[in-house]
PDB file of all heavy atoms in Angstrom:
ATOM      1  N   PRO A   1       0.782  -1.247   0.011  1.00  0.00           N
ATOM      2  CA  PRO A   1      -0.083   0.022  -0.029  1.00  0.00           C
ATOM      3  C   PRO A   1       0.877   1.239  -0.004  1.00  0.00           C
ATOM      4  O   PRO A   1       1.880   1.379   0.732  1.00  0.00           O
ATOM      5  CB  PRO A   1      -0.839  -0.093   1.329  1.00  0.00           C
ATOM      6  CG  PRO A   1      -0.758  -1.572   1.661  1.00  0.00           C
ATOM      7  CD  PRO A   1       0.508  -2.048   1.181  1.00  0.00           C
ATOM      8  N   GLY A   2       0.521   2.272  -0.859  1.00  0.00           N
ATOM      9  CA  GLY A   2       1.234   3.475  -0.886  1.00  0.00           C
ATOM     10  C   GLY A   2       0.557   4.432  -1.931  1.00  0.00           C
ATOM     11  O   GLY A   2      -0.231   3.982  -2.729  1.00  0.00           O
ATOM     12  N   GLU A   3       0.940   5.664  -1.884  1.00  0.00           N
ATOM     13  CA  GLU A   3       0.372   6.681  -2.753  1.00  0.00           C
ATOM     14  C   GLU A   3       0.740   6.390  -4.158  1.00  0.00           C
ATOM     15  O   GLU A   3      -0.070   6.555  -5.064  1.00  0.00           O
ATOM     16  CB  GLU A   3       0.840   8.018  -2.303  1.00  0.00           C
ATOM     17  CG  GLU A   3       0.196   9.208  -3.122  1.00  0.00           C
ATOM     18  CD  GLU A   3      -1.310   9.209  -2.985  1.00  0.00           C
ATOM     19  OE1 GLU A   3      -1.847   8.889  -1.870  1.00  0.00           O
ATOM     20  OE2 GLU A   3      -1.996   9.572  -3.911  1.00  0.00           O
ATOM     21  N   GLN A   4       1.978   5.941  -4.439  1.00  0.00           N
ATOM     22  CA  GLN A   4       2.388   5.689  -5.771  1.00  0.00           C
ATOM     23  C   GLN A   4       1.544   4.536  -6.453  1.00  0.00           C
ATOM     24  O   GLN A   4       1.065   4.709  -7.634  1.00  0.00           O
ATOM     25  CB  GLN A   4       3.874   5.353  -5.904  1.00  0.00           C
ATOM     26  CG  GLN A   4       4.379   5.141  -7.232  1.00  0.00           C
ATOM     27  CD  GLN A   4       5.866   4.857  -7.340  1.00  0.00           C
ATOM     28  OE1 GLN A   4       6.378   3.953  -6.743  1.00  0.00           O
ATOM     29  NE2 GLN A   4       6.694   5.761  -8.054  1.00  0.00           N
ATOM     30  N   SER A   5       1.481   3.443  -5.764  1.00  0.00           N
ATOM     31  CA  SER A   5       0.634   2.320  -6.284  1.00  0.00           C
ATOM     32  C   SER A   5      -0.805   2.649  -6.462  1.00  0.00           C
ATOM     33  O   SER A   5      -1.587   2.250  -7.400  1.00  0.00           O
ATOM     34  CB  SER A   5       0.782   1.037  -5.519  1.00  0.00           C
ATOM     35  OG  SER A   5       0.548   1.398  -4.054  1.00  0.00           O
ATOM     36  N   HIS A   6      -1.322   3.569  -5.572  1.00  0.00           N
ATOM     37  CA  HIS A   6      -2.729   4.035  -5.663  1.00  0.00           C
ATOM     38  C   HIS A   6      -2.846   4.926  -6.874  1.00  0.00           C
ATOM     39  O   HIS A   6      -3.893   4.707  -7.579  1.00  0.00           O
ATOM     40  CB  HIS A   6      -3.092   4.769  -4.391  1.00  0.00           C
ATOM     41  CG  HIS A   6      -4.509   5.324  -4.415  1.00  0.00           C
ATOM     42  ND1 HIS A   6      -4.766   6.678  -4.382  1.00  0.00           N
ATOM     43  CD2 HIS A   6      -5.652   4.681  -4.465  1.00  0.00           C
ATOM     44  CE1 HIS A   6      -6.037   6.789  -4.465  1.00  0.00           C
ATOM     45  NE2 HIS A   6      -6.588   5.694  -4.452  1.00  0.00           N
ATOM     46  N   GLN A   7      -2.005   5.808  -7.160  1.00  0.00           N
ATOM     47  CA  GLN A   7      -2.075   6.606  -8.290  1.00  0.00           C
ATOM     48  C   GLN A   7      -2.017   5.790  -9.672  1.00  0.00           C
ATOM     49  O   GLN A   7      -2.655   6.199 -10.636  1.00  0.00           O
ATOM     50  CB  GLN A   7      -0.976   7.582  -8.308  1.00  0.00           C
ATOM     51  CG  GLN A   7      -1.287   8.873  -7.272  1.00  0.00           C
ATOM     52  CD  GLN A   7      -2.511   9.497  -7.538  1.00  0.00           C
ATOM     53  OE1 GLN A   7      -2.850   9.813  -8.699  1.00  0.00           O
ATOM     54  NE2 GLN A   7      -3.389   9.736  -6.520  1.00  0.00           N
ATOM     55  N   ARG A   8      -1.342   4.673  -9.586  1.00  0.00           N
ATOM     56  CA  ARG A   8      -1.242   3.773 -10.733  1.00  0.00           C
ATOM     57  C   ARG A   8      -2.636   3.191 -11.049  1.00  0.00           C
ATOM     58  O   ARG A   8      -2.979   2.996 -12.251  1.00  0.00           O
ATOM     59  CB  ARG A   8      -0.180   2.761 -10.595  1.00  0.00           C
ATOM     60  CG  ARG A   8       1.243   3.229 -10.596  1.00  0.00           C
ATOM     61  CD  ARG A   8       2.209   2.137 -10.291  1.00  0.00           C
ATOM     62  NE  ARG A   8       3.656   2.650 -10.354  1.00  0.00           N
ATOM     63  CZ  ARG A   8       4.627   1.945  -9.808  1.00  0.00           C
ATOM     64  NH1 ARG A   8       4.491   0.771  -9.243  1.00  0.00           N
ATOM     65  NH2 ARG A   8       5.853   2.418  -9.850  1.00  0.00           N
ATOM     66  N   CYS A   9      -3.322   2.884 -10.024  1.00  0.00           N
ATOM     67  CA  CYS A   9      -4.623   2.335 -10.144  1.00  0.00           C
ATOM     68  C   CYS A   9      -5.599   3.397 -10.844  1.00  0.00           C
ATOM     69  O   CYS A   9      -6.343   3.085 -11.778  1.00  0.00           O
ATOM     70  CB  CYS A   9      -5.246   1.851  -8.783  1.00  0.00           C
ATOM     71  SG  CYS A   9      -4.455   0.436  -7.995  1.00  0.00           S
ATOM     72  N   VAL A  10      -5.503   4.590 -10.427  1.00  0.00           N
ATOM     73  CA  VAL A  10      -6.259   5.677 -10.928  1.00  0.00           C
ATOM     74  C   VAL A  10      -5.804   5.882 -12.360  1.00  0.00           C
ATOM     75  O   VAL A  10      -6.740   6.047 -13.339  1.00  0.00           O
ATOM     76  CB  VAL A  10      -6.034   6.952 -10.151  1.00  0.00           C
ATOM     77  CG1 VAL A  10      -6.792   8.107 -10.818  1.00  0.00           C
ATOM     78  CG2 VAL A  10      -6.530   6.735  -8.738  1.00  0.00           C
ATOM     79  N   LEU A  11      -4.550   5.845 -12.709  1.00  0.00           N
ATOM     80  CA  LEU A  11      -3.994   6.100 -13.990  1.00  0.00           C
ATOM     81  C   LEU A  11      -4.551   5.094 -15.016  1.00  0.00           C
ATOM     82  O   LEU A  11      -5.001   5.364 -16.140  1.00  0.00           O
ATOM     83  CB  LEU A  11      -2.494   6.080 -13.930  1.00  0.00           C
ATOM     84  CG  LEU A  11      -1.775   6.447 -15.282  1.00  0.00           C
ATOM     85  CD1 LEU A  11      -2.009   7.863 -15.631  1.00  0.00           C
ATOM     86  CD2 LEU A  11      -0.227   6.283 -15.097  1.00  0.00           C
ATOM     87  N   PHE A  12      -4.456   3.769 -14.618  1.00  0.00           N
ATOM     88  CA  PHE A  12      -4.838   2.759 -15.579  1.00  0.00           C
ATOM     89  C   PHE A  12      -6.372   2.449 -15.575  1.00  0.00           C
ATOM     90  O   PHE A  12      -6.777   1.689 -16.415  1.00  0.00           O
ATOM     91  CB  PHE A  12      -4.062   1.434 -15.263  1.00  0.00           C
ATOM     92  CG  PHE A  12      -2.625   1.501 -15.734  1.00  0.00           C
ATOM     93  CD1 PHE A  12      -1.663   1.861 -14.873  1.00  0.00           C
ATOM     94  CD2 PHE A  12      -2.358   1.182 -17.058  1.00  0.00           C
ATOM     95  CE1 PHE A  12      -0.255   2.000 -15.355  1.00  0.00           C
ATOM     96  CE2 PHE A  12      -1.081   1.298 -17.569  1.00  0.00           C
ATOM     97  CZ  PHE A  12      -0.008   1.671 -16.700  1.00  0.00           C
ATOM     98  N   GLY A  13      -7.081   3.010 -14.644  1.00  0.00           N
ATOM     99  CA  GLY A  13      -8.519   2.875 -14.695  1.00  0.00           C
ATOM    100  C   GLY A  13      -9.140   3.665 -15.805  1.00  0.00           C
ATOM    101  O   GLY A  13     -10.176   3.255 -16.423  1.00  0.00           O
ATOM    102  N   ALA A  14      -8.603   4.835 -16.141  1.00  0.00           N
ATOM    103  CA  ALA A  14      -8.964   5.704 -17.209  1.00  0.00           C
ATOM    104  C   ALA A  14      -9.091   5.002 -18.598  1.00  0.00           C
ATOM    105  O   ALA A  14     -10.056   5.048 -19.187  1.00  0.00           O
ATOM    106  CB  ALA A  14      -8.228   7.015 -17.230  1.00  0.00           C
ATOM    107  N   PRO A  15      -7.958   4.410 -19.023  1.00  0.00           N
ATOM    108  CA  PRO A  15      -7.983   3.768 -20.341  1.00  0.00           C
ATOM    109  C   PRO A  15      -9.022   2.587 -20.425  1.00  0.00           C
ATOM    110  O   PRO A  15      -9.550   2.308 -21.422  1.00  0.00           O
ATOM    111  CB  PRO A  15      -6.580   3.350 -20.623  1.00  0.00           C
ATOM    112  CG  PRO A  15      -5.951   3.427 -19.285  1.00  0.00           C
ATOM    113  CD  PRO A  15      -6.615   4.420 -18.546  1.00  0.00           C
ATOM    114  N   LEU A  16      -9.133   1.896 -19.233  1.00  0.00           N
ATOM    115  CA  LEU A  16     -10.180   0.809 -19.292  1.00  0.00           C
ATOM    116  C   LEU A  16     -11.558   1.274 -19.522  1.00  0.00           C
ATOM    117  O   LEU A  16     -12.257   0.769 -20.325  1.00  0.00           O
ATOM    118  CB  LEU A  16     -10.064   0.075 -17.870  1.00  0.00           C
ATOM    119  CG  LEU A  16     -11.126  -1.086 -17.754  1.00  0.00           C
ATOM    120  CD1 LEU A  16     -10.962  -2.137 -18.824  1.00  0.00           C
ATOM    121  CD2 LEU A  16     -11.004  -1.686 -16.281  1.00  0.00           C
ATOM    122  N   LEU A  17     -11.841   2.412 -18.816  1.00  0.00           N
ATOM    123  CA  LEU A  17     -13.262   3.019 -18.991  1.00  0.00           C
ATOM    124  C   LEU A  17     -13.419   3.455 -20.437  1.00  0.00           C
ATOM    125  O   LEU A  17     -14.517   3.311 -21.081  1.00  0.00           O
ATOM    126  CB  LEU A  17     -13.457   4.051 -18.004  1.00  0.00           C
ATOM    127  CG  LEU A  17     -13.602   3.649 -16.500  1.00  0.00           C
ATOM    128  CD1 LEU A  17     -13.676   4.929 -15.670  1.00  0.00           C
ATOM    129  CD2 LEU A  17     -14.717   2.701 -16.307  1.00  0.00           C
ATOM    130  N   GLU A  18     -12.406   4.010 -21.000  1.00  0.00           N
ATOM    131  CA  GLU A  18     -12.403   4.478 -22.384  1.00  0.00           C
ATOM    132  C   GLU A  18     -12.661   3.354 -23.323  1.00  0.00           C
ATOM    133  O   GLU A  18     -13.443   3.458 -24.352  1.00  0.00           O
ATOM    134  CB  GLU A  18     -11.253   5.347 -22.734  1.00  0.00           C
ATOM    135  CG  GLU A  18     -11.249   6.747 -22.208  1.00  0.00           C
ATOM    136  CD  GLU A  18     -12.448   7.517 -22.856  1.00  0.00           C
ATOM    137  OE1 GLU A  18     -12.652   7.544 -24.027  1.00  0.00           O
ATOM    138  OE2 GLU A  18     -13.116   8.056 -22.030  1.00  0.00           O
ATOM    139  N   SER A  19     -11.913   2.221 -23.089  1.00  0.00           N
ATOM    140  CA  SER A  19     -12.076   1.092 -24.051  1.00  0.00           C
ATOM    141  C   SER A  19     -13.380   0.450 -23.902  1.00  0.00           C
ATOM    142  O   SER A  19     -14.064   0.022 -24.858  1.00  0.00           O
ATOM    143  CB  SER A  19     -10.974   0.102 -23.735  1.00  0.00           C
ATOM    144  OG  SER A  19     -11.024  -0.414 -22.433  1.00  0.00           O
ATOM    145  N   VAL A  20     -13.955   0.425 -22.695  1.00  0.00           N
ATOM    146  CA  VAL A  20     -15.329  -0.103 -22.477  1.00  0.00           C
ATOM    147  C   VAL A  20     -16.372   0.772 -23.133  1.00  0.00           C
ATOM    148  O   VAL A  20     -17.303   0.325 -23.777  1.00  0.00           O
ATOM    149  CB  VAL A  20     -15.698  -0.185 -20.974  1.00  0.00           C
ATOM    150  CG1 VAL A  20     -17.173  -0.459 -20.762  1.00  0.00           C
ATOM    151  CG2 VAL A  20     -14.751  -1.351 -20.364  1.00  0.00           C
ATOM    152  N   ARG A  21     -16.190   2.081 -23.078  1.00  0.00           N
ATOM    153  CA  ARG A  21     -17.098   3.106 -23.730  1.00  0.00           C
ATOM    154  C   ARG A  21     -17.080   2.886 -25.192  1.00  0.00           C
ATOM    155  O   ARG A  21     -18.151   2.864 -25.915  1.00  0.00           O
ATOM    156  CB  ARG A  21     -16.698   4.496 -23.388  1.00  0.00           C
ATOM    157  CG  ARG A  21     -17.601   5.565 -23.899  1.00  0.00           C
ATOM    158  CD  ARG A  21     -17.027   6.976 -23.759  1.00  0.00           C
ATOM    159  NE  ARG A  21     -15.847   7.167 -24.448  1.00  0.00           N
ATOM    160  CZ  ARG A  21     -15.754   7.407 -25.701  1.00  0.00           C
ATOM    161  NH1 ARG A  21     -16.897   7.563 -26.471  1.00  0.00           N
ATOM    162  NH2 ARG A  21     -14.642   7.615 -26.322  1.00  0.00           N
ATOM    163  N   ALA A  22     -15.866   2.647 -25.857  1.00  0.00           N
ATOM    164  CA  ALA A  22     -15.675   2.440 -27.219  1.00  0.00           C
ATOM    165  C   ALA A  22     -16.445   1.183 -27.674  1.00  0.00           C
ATOM    166  O   ALA A  22     -17.158   1.122 -28.658  1.00  0.00           O
ATOM    167  CB  ALA A  22     -14.281   2.379 -27.599  1.00  0.00           C
ATOM    168  N   LEU A  23     -16.291   0.051 -26.862  1.00  0.00           N
ATOM    169  CA  LEU A  23     -16.927  -1.231 -27.165  1.00  0.00           C
ATOM    170  C   LEU A  23     -18.448  -1.000 -27.212  1.00  0.00           C
ATOM    171  O   LEU A  23     -19.154  -1.526 -28.012  1.00  0.00           O
ATOM    172  CB  LEU A  23     -16.456  -2.230 -26.272  1.00  0.00           C
ATOM    173  CG  LEU A  23     -17.106  -3.669 -26.402  1.00  0.00           C
ATOM    174  CD1 LEU A  23     -16.767  -4.183 -27.742  1.00  0.00           C
ATOM    175  CD2 LEU A  23     -16.606  -4.562 -25.304  1.00  0.00           C
ATOM    176  N   LEU A  24     -18.926  -0.323 -26.164  1.00  0.00           N
ATOM    177  CA  LEU A  24     -20.384  -0.174 -26.055  1.00  0.00           C
ATOM    178  C   LEU A  24     -20.936   0.655 -27.265  1.00  0.00           C
ATOM    179  O   LEU A  24     -22.060   0.407 -27.776  1.00  0.00           O
ATOM    180  CB  LEU A  24     -20.773   0.531 -24.716  1.00  0.00           C
ATOM    181  CG  LEU A  24     -20.878  -0.366 -23.549  1.00  0.00           C
ATOM    182  CD1 LEU A  24     -21.156   0.358 -22.266  1.00  0.00           C
ATOM    183  CD2 LEU A  24     -21.955  -1.454 -23.757  1.00  0.00           C
ATOM    184  N   GLY A  25     -20.103   1.652 -27.641  1.00  0.00           N
ATOM    185  CA  GLY A  25     -20.598   2.467 -28.831  1.00  0.00           C
ATOM    186  C   GLY A  25     -20.710   1.578 -30.072  1.00  0.00           C
ATOM    187  O   GLY A  25     -21.649   1.700 -30.884  1.00  0.00           O
ATOM    188  N   LEU A  26     -19.720   0.613 -30.205  1.00  0.00           N
ATOM    189  CA  LEU A  26     -19.820  -0.283 -31.317  1.00  0.00           C
ATOM    190  C   LEU A  26     -21.020  -1.320 -31.200  1.00  0.00           C
ATOM    191  O   LEU A  26     -21.742  -1.570 -32.174  1.00  0.00           O
ATOM    192  CB  LEU A  26     -18.521  -1.064 -31.353  1.00  0.00           C
ATOM    193  CG  LEU A  26     -18.287  -1.926 -32.633  1.00  0.00           C
ATOM    194  CD1 LEU A  26     -18.231  -1.077 -33.937  1.00  0.00           C
ATOM    195  CD2 LEU A  26     -16.869  -2.584 -32.552  1.00  0.00           C
ATOM    196  N   ALA A  27     -21.206  -1.711 -29.959  1.00  0.00           N
ATOM    197  CA  ALA A  27     -22.325  -2.625 -29.717  1.00  0.00           C
ATOM    198  C   ALA A  27     -23.670  -2.131 -29.840  1.00  0.00           C
ATOM    199  O   ALA A  27     -24.653  -2.809 -30.027  1.00  0.00           O
ATOM    200  CB  ALA A  27     -22.099  -3.221 -28.275  1.00  0.00           C
ATOM    201  N   SER A  28     -23.773  -0.731 -29.753  1.00  0.00           N
ATOM    202  CA  SER A  28     -25.148  -0.222 -29.939  1.00  0.00           C
ATOM    203  C   SER A  28     -25.542  -0.022 -31.345  1.00  0.00           C
ATOM    204  O   SER A  28     -26.677   0.408 -31.530  1.00  0.00           O
ATOM    205  CB  SER A  28     -25.064   1.248 -29.247  1.00  0.00           C
ATOM    206  OG  SER A  28     -24.184   2.064 -30.019  1.00  0.00           O
ATOM    207  N   GLU A  29     -24.693  -0.334 -32.266  1.00  0.00           N
ATOM    208  CA  GLU A  29     -25.121  -0.198 -33.718  1.00  0.00           C
ATOM    209  C   GLU A  29     -26.235  -1.209 -34.004  1.00  0.00           C
ATOM    210  O   GLU A  29     -26.244  -2.286 -33.398  1.00  0.00           O
ATOM    211  CB  GLU A  29     -23.861  -0.477 -34.741  1.00  0.00           C
ATOM    212  CG  GLU A  29     -22.843   0.592 -34.528  1.00  0.00           C
ATOM    213  CD  GLU A  29     -21.761   0.373 -35.502  1.00  0.00           C
ATOM    214  OE1 GLU A  29     -21.774  -0.526 -36.347  1.00  0.00           O
ATOM    215  OE2 GLU A  29     -20.750   1.184 -35.495  1.00  0.00           O
ATOM    216  N   MET A  30     -27.117  -0.937 -34.895  1.00  0.00           N
ATOM    217  CA  MET A  30     -28.314  -1.655 -35.188  1.00  0.00           C
ATOM    218  C   MET A  30     -27.957  -3.117 -35.654  1.00  0.00           C
ATOM    219  O   MET A  30     -28.687  -4.041 -35.364  1.00  0.00           O
ATOM    220  CB  MET A  30     -29.148  -0.956 -36.318  1.00  0.00           C
ATOM    221  CG  MET A  30     -30.552  -1.580 -36.373  1.00  0.00           C
ATOM    222  SD  MET A  30     -31.530  -0.620 -37.539  1.00  0.00           S
ATOM    223  CE  MET A  30     -30.506  -0.600 -39.092  1.00  0.00           C
ATOM    224  N   HIS A  31     -26.787  -3.205 -36.273  1.00  0.00           N
ATOM    225  CA  HIS A  31     -26.509  -4.581 -36.797  1.00  0.00           C
ATOM    226  C   HIS A  31     -26.243  -5.515 -35.630  1.00  0.00           C
ATOM    227  O   HIS A  31     -26.447  -6.746 -35.784  1.00  0.00           O
ATOM    228  CB  HIS A  31     -25.114  -4.568 -37.599  1.00  0.00           C
ATOM    229  CG  HIS A  31     -25.043  -3.365 -38.463  1.00  0.00           C
ATOM    230  ND1 HIS A  31     -25.774  -3.231 -39.653  1.00  0.00           N
ATOM    231  CD2 HIS A  31     -24.258  -2.181 -38.399  1.00  0.00           C
ATOM    232  CE1 HIS A  31     -25.493  -2.076 -40.243  1.00  0.00           C
ATOM    233  NE2 HIS A  31     -24.599  -1.442 -39.447  1.00  0.00           N
ATOM    234  N   LEU A  32     -25.917  -5.008 -34.448  1.00  0.00           N
ATOM    235  CA  LEU A  32     -25.567  -5.836 -33.262  1.00  0.00           C
ATOM    236  C   LEU A  32     -26.633  -5.821 -32.205  1.00  0.00           C
ATOM    237  O   LEU A  32     -26.843  -6.766 -31.572  1.00  0.00           O
ATOM    238  CB  LEU A  32     -24.216  -5.365 -32.683  1.00  0.00           C
ATOM    239  CG  LEU A  32     -22.985  -5.547 -33.582  1.00  0.00           C
ATOM    240  CD1 LEU A  32     -21.767  -4.813 -32.933  1.00  0.00           C
ATOM    241  CD2 LEU A  32     -22.671  -7.028 -33.910  1.00  0.00           C
ATOM    242  N   SER A  33     -27.312  -4.652 -32.086  1.00  0.00           N
ATOM    243  CA  SER A  33     -28.228  -4.532 -30.973  1.00  0.00           C
ATOM    244  C   SER A  33     -29.680  -4.788 -31.385  1.00  0.00           C
ATOM    245  O   SER A  33     -30.537  -4.939 -30.480  1.00  0.00           O
ATOM    246  CB  SER A  33     -28.124  -3.130 -30.356  1.00  0.00           C
ATOM    247  OG  SER A  33     -28.529  -2.114 -31.335  1.00  0.00           O
TER     248      SER A  33
END
């Protein structure tokens, strides 16, 4: 436990959320939904 490892969690959470958002955008297309 420490501030540095905590900040890394915050740092790498952002690209995960962006990749999930992109996948959902693709999945919402009529061909798939």
